[in-house]
N, C-alpha and C. Protein backbone atom coordinates (compact mmCIF):
# COMPACT_ATOMS: atom_id res chain seq x y z
N MET A 1 296.35 249.88 76.62
CA MET A 1 295.12 249.08 76.60
C MET A 1 293.95 250.03 76.85
N ASP A 2 292.93 249.87 76.09
CA ASP A 2 291.80 250.77 76.27
C ASP A 2 290.87 250.29 77.39
N VAL A 3 289.97 251.12 77.79
CA VAL A 3 289.08 250.87 78.92
C VAL A 3 288.14 249.70 78.62
N ALA A 4 287.65 249.59 77.40
CA ALA A 4 286.72 248.52 77.05
C ALA A 4 287.39 247.15 77.17
N ALA A 5 288.60 247.04 76.67
CA ALA A 5 289.33 245.77 76.75
C ALA A 5 289.65 245.43 78.20
N LEU A 6 290.02 246.42 78.98
CA LEU A 6 290.31 246.20 80.40
C LEU A 6 289.06 245.75 81.15
N SER A 7 287.92 246.34 80.82
CA SER A 7 286.66 245.96 81.45
C SER A 7 286.28 244.52 81.10
N ILE A 8 286.45 244.15 79.84
CA ILE A 8 286.14 242.78 79.42
C ILE A 8 287.06 241.79 80.12
N SER A 9 288.33 242.11 80.19
CA SER A 9 289.29 241.23 80.86
C SER A 9 288.94 241.06 82.34
N LEU A 10 288.59 242.14 82.99
CA LEU A 10 288.22 242.08 84.41
C LEU A 10 286.97 241.23 84.62
N ASN A 11 285.97 241.40 83.77
CA ASN A 11 284.74 240.62 83.88
C ASN A 11 284.99 239.14 83.63
N GLU A 12 285.88 238.83 82.68
CA GLU A 12 286.21 237.43 82.40
C GLU A 12 286.90 236.79 83.61
N SER A 13 287.80 237.51 84.25
CA SER A 13 288.49 236.95 85.41
C SER A 13 287.52 236.77 86.58
N LYS A 14 286.58 237.71 86.74
CA LYS A 14 285.57 237.55 87.80
C LYS A 14 284.69 236.33 87.53
N LEU A 15 284.33 236.12 86.27
CA LEU A 15 283.51 234.97 85.91
C LEU A 15 284.25 233.66 86.17
N LYS A 16 285.52 233.61 85.80
CA LYS A 16 286.32 232.41 86.04
C LYS A 16 286.44 232.12 87.53
N GLN A 17 286.65 233.16 88.32
CA GLN A 17 286.77 232.98 89.77
C GLN A 17 285.44 232.51 90.36
N SER A 18 284.35 233.08 89.90
CA SER A 18 283.03 232.68 90.38
C SER A 18 282.74 231.22 90.04
N ALA A 19 283.10 230.82 88.81
CA ALA A 19 282.89 229.43 88.42
C ALA A 19 283.75 228.50 89.27
N SER A 20 284.99 228.88 89.54
CA SER A 20 285.88 228.06 90.37
C SER A 20 285.32 227.89 91.78
N VAL A 21 284.80 228.96 92.34
CA VAL A 21 284.22 228.90 93.69
C VAL A 21 283.00 227.99 93.69
N SER A 22 282.18 228.08 92.65
CA SER A 22 280.99 227.23 92.57
C SER A 22 281.36 225.75 92.49
N VAL A 23 282.37 225.44 91.69
CA VAL A 23 282.82 224.05 91.58
C VAL A 23 283.39 223.57 92.91
N LEU A 24 284.14 224.41 93.59
CA LEU A 24 284.70 224.05 94.89
C LEU A 24 283.60 223.79 95.91
N LYS A 25 282.56 224.62 95.91
CA LYS A 25 281.44 224.41 96.83
C LYS A 25 280.74 223.09 96.54
N MET A 26 280.57 222.77 95.26
CA MET A 26 279.93 221.49 94.91
C MET A 26 280.79 220.32 95.37
N ALA A 27 282.11 220.43 95.23
CA ALA A 27 283.01 219.36 95.68
C ALA A 27 282.95 219.21 97.19
N MET A 28 282.88 220.33 97.91
CA MET A 28 282.80 220.26 99.37
C MET A 28 281.48 219.63 99.81
N ASP A 29 280.38 219.98 99.14
CA ASP A 29 279.09 219.38 99.47
C ASP A 29 279.10 217.88 99.22
N THR A 30 279.70 217.48 98.11
CA THR A 30 279.79 216.06 97.79
C THR A 30 280.63 215.32 98.83
N ALA A 31 281.74 215.91 99.24
CA ALA A 31 282.59 215.29 100.25
C ALA A 31 281.85 215.17 101.59
N THR A 32 281.08 216.18 101.95
CA THR A 32 280.30 216.14 103.19
C THR A 32 279.26 215.03 103.13
N GLN A 33 278.57 214.90 102.01
CA GLN A 33 277.57 213.85 101.85
C GLN A 33 278.23 212.47 101.91
N ASN A 34 279.39 212.32 101.27
CA ASN A 34 280.08 211.04 101.30
C ASN A 34 280.51 210.68 102.72
N CYS A 35 280.95 211.66 103.46
CA CYS A 35 281.36 211.42 104.85
C CYS A 35 280.18 210.99 105.70
N GLU A 36 279.04 211.66 105.52
CA GLU A 36 277.85 211.29 106.28
C GLU A 36 277.38 209.88 105.93
N MET A 37 277.41 209.54 104.64
CA MET A 37 276.98 208.20 104.23
C MET A 37 277.95 207.14 104.75
N LEU A 38 279.25 207.43 104.75
CA LEU A 38 280.23 206.49 105.26
C LEU A 38 280.06 206.27 106.76
N THR A 39 279.79 207.33 107.48
CA THR A 39 279.55 207.21 108.92
C THR A 39 278.31 206.36 109.19
N GLU A 40 277.26 206.59 108.43
CA GLU A 40 276.04 205.79 108.58
C GLU A 40 276.30 204.33 108.24
N LEU A 41 277.07 204.09 107.20
CA LEU A 41 277.39 202.71 106.81
C LEU A 41 278.19 202.01 107.90
N MET A 42 279.15 202.72 108.49
CA MET A 42 279.96 202.12 109.56
C MET A 42 279.10 201.80 110.78
N ASP A 43 278.15 202.66 111.10
CA ASP A 43 277.24 202.38 112.21
C ASP A 43 276.40 201.14 111.92
N ASN A 44 275.94 201.00 110.67
CA ASN A 44 275.14 199.84 110.29
C ASN A 44 275.96 198.56 110.35
N VAL A 45 277.22 198.64 109.92
CA VAL A 45 278.09 197.46 109.95
C VAL A 45 278.33 197.04 111.40
N LYS A 46 278.59 197.99 112.27
CA LYS A 46 278.83 197.67 113.68
C LYS A 46 277.59 197.03 114.30
N ALA A 47 276.41 197.57 113.99
CA ALA A 47 275.17 197.00 114.52
C ALA A 47 274.96 195.59 113.98
N MET A 48 275.29 195.37 112.72
CA MET A 48 275.13 194.04 112.13
C MET A 48 276.10 193.05 112.77
N GLU A 49 277.33 193.46 113.02
CA GLU A 49 278.31 192.58 113.66
C GLU A 49 277.84 192.21 115.06
N GLN A 50 277.29 193.15 115.80
CA GLN A 50 276.80 192.88 117.14
C GLN A 50 275.62 191.91 117.10
N SER A 51 274.76 192.01 116.08
CA SER A 51 273.61 191.12 116.02
C SER A 51 274.02 189.71 115.63
N VAL A 52 275.07 189.56 114.83
CA VAL A 52 275.52 188.24 114.41
C VAL A 52 276.33 187.57 115.50
N HIS A 53 277.22 188.33 116.15
CA HIS A 53 278.09 187.79 117.20
C HIS A 53 277.95 188.67 118.45
N PRO A 54 276.85 188.56 119.18
CA PRO A 54 276.65 189.47 120.31
C PRO A 54 277.63 189.24 121.47
N HIS A 55 278.25 188.06 121.54
CA HIS A 55 279.15 187.76 122.65
C HIS A 55 280.56 188.31 122.43
N ILE A 56 280.91 188.65 121.20
CA ILE A 56 282.25 189.13 120.91
C ILE A 56 282.39 190.59 121.34
N GLY A 57 283.43 190.87 122.09
CA GLY A 57 283.72 192.23 122.49
C GLY A 57 283.01 192.69 123.75
N GLY A 58 282.22 191.80 124.35
CA GLY A 58 281.49 192.18 125.54
C GLY A 58 282.31 192.09 126.81
N LYS A 59 283.30 191.20 126.81
CA LYS A 59 284.13 191.00 128.01
C LYS A 59 285.59 191.01 127.60
N ILE A 60 286.41 191.53 128.50
CA ILE A 60 287.86 191.57 128.25
C ILE A 60 288.53 190.83 129.40
N ASP A 61 289.36 189.84 129.06
CA ASP A 61 290.09 189.08 130.05
C ASP A 61 291.42 189.78 130.32
N VAL A 62 291.53 190.38 131.49
CA VAL A 62 292.76 191.11 131.83
C VAL A 62 293.64 190.33 132.80
N ARG A 63 293.28 189.12 133.08
CA ARG A 63 294.12 188.30 133.97
C ARG A 63 295.36 187.87 133.23
N GLY A 64 296.48 187.87 133.90
CA GLY A 64 297.75 187.56 133.26
C GLY A 64 298.18 186.21 133.47
């Protein structure tokens, strides 16, 4: 194999790896954003449940 072909092959593999890393970073960013939005949604749902039924969950009857 000549040097030019080897150089082209090496550059192609570096490009593929770089593209794969970029896609992985975008997927990780998307997952992080989804997690943050889900956490915020769960906080909003809990606050809404408390406003609709404020007496539920406030006291626990432990008498047997």
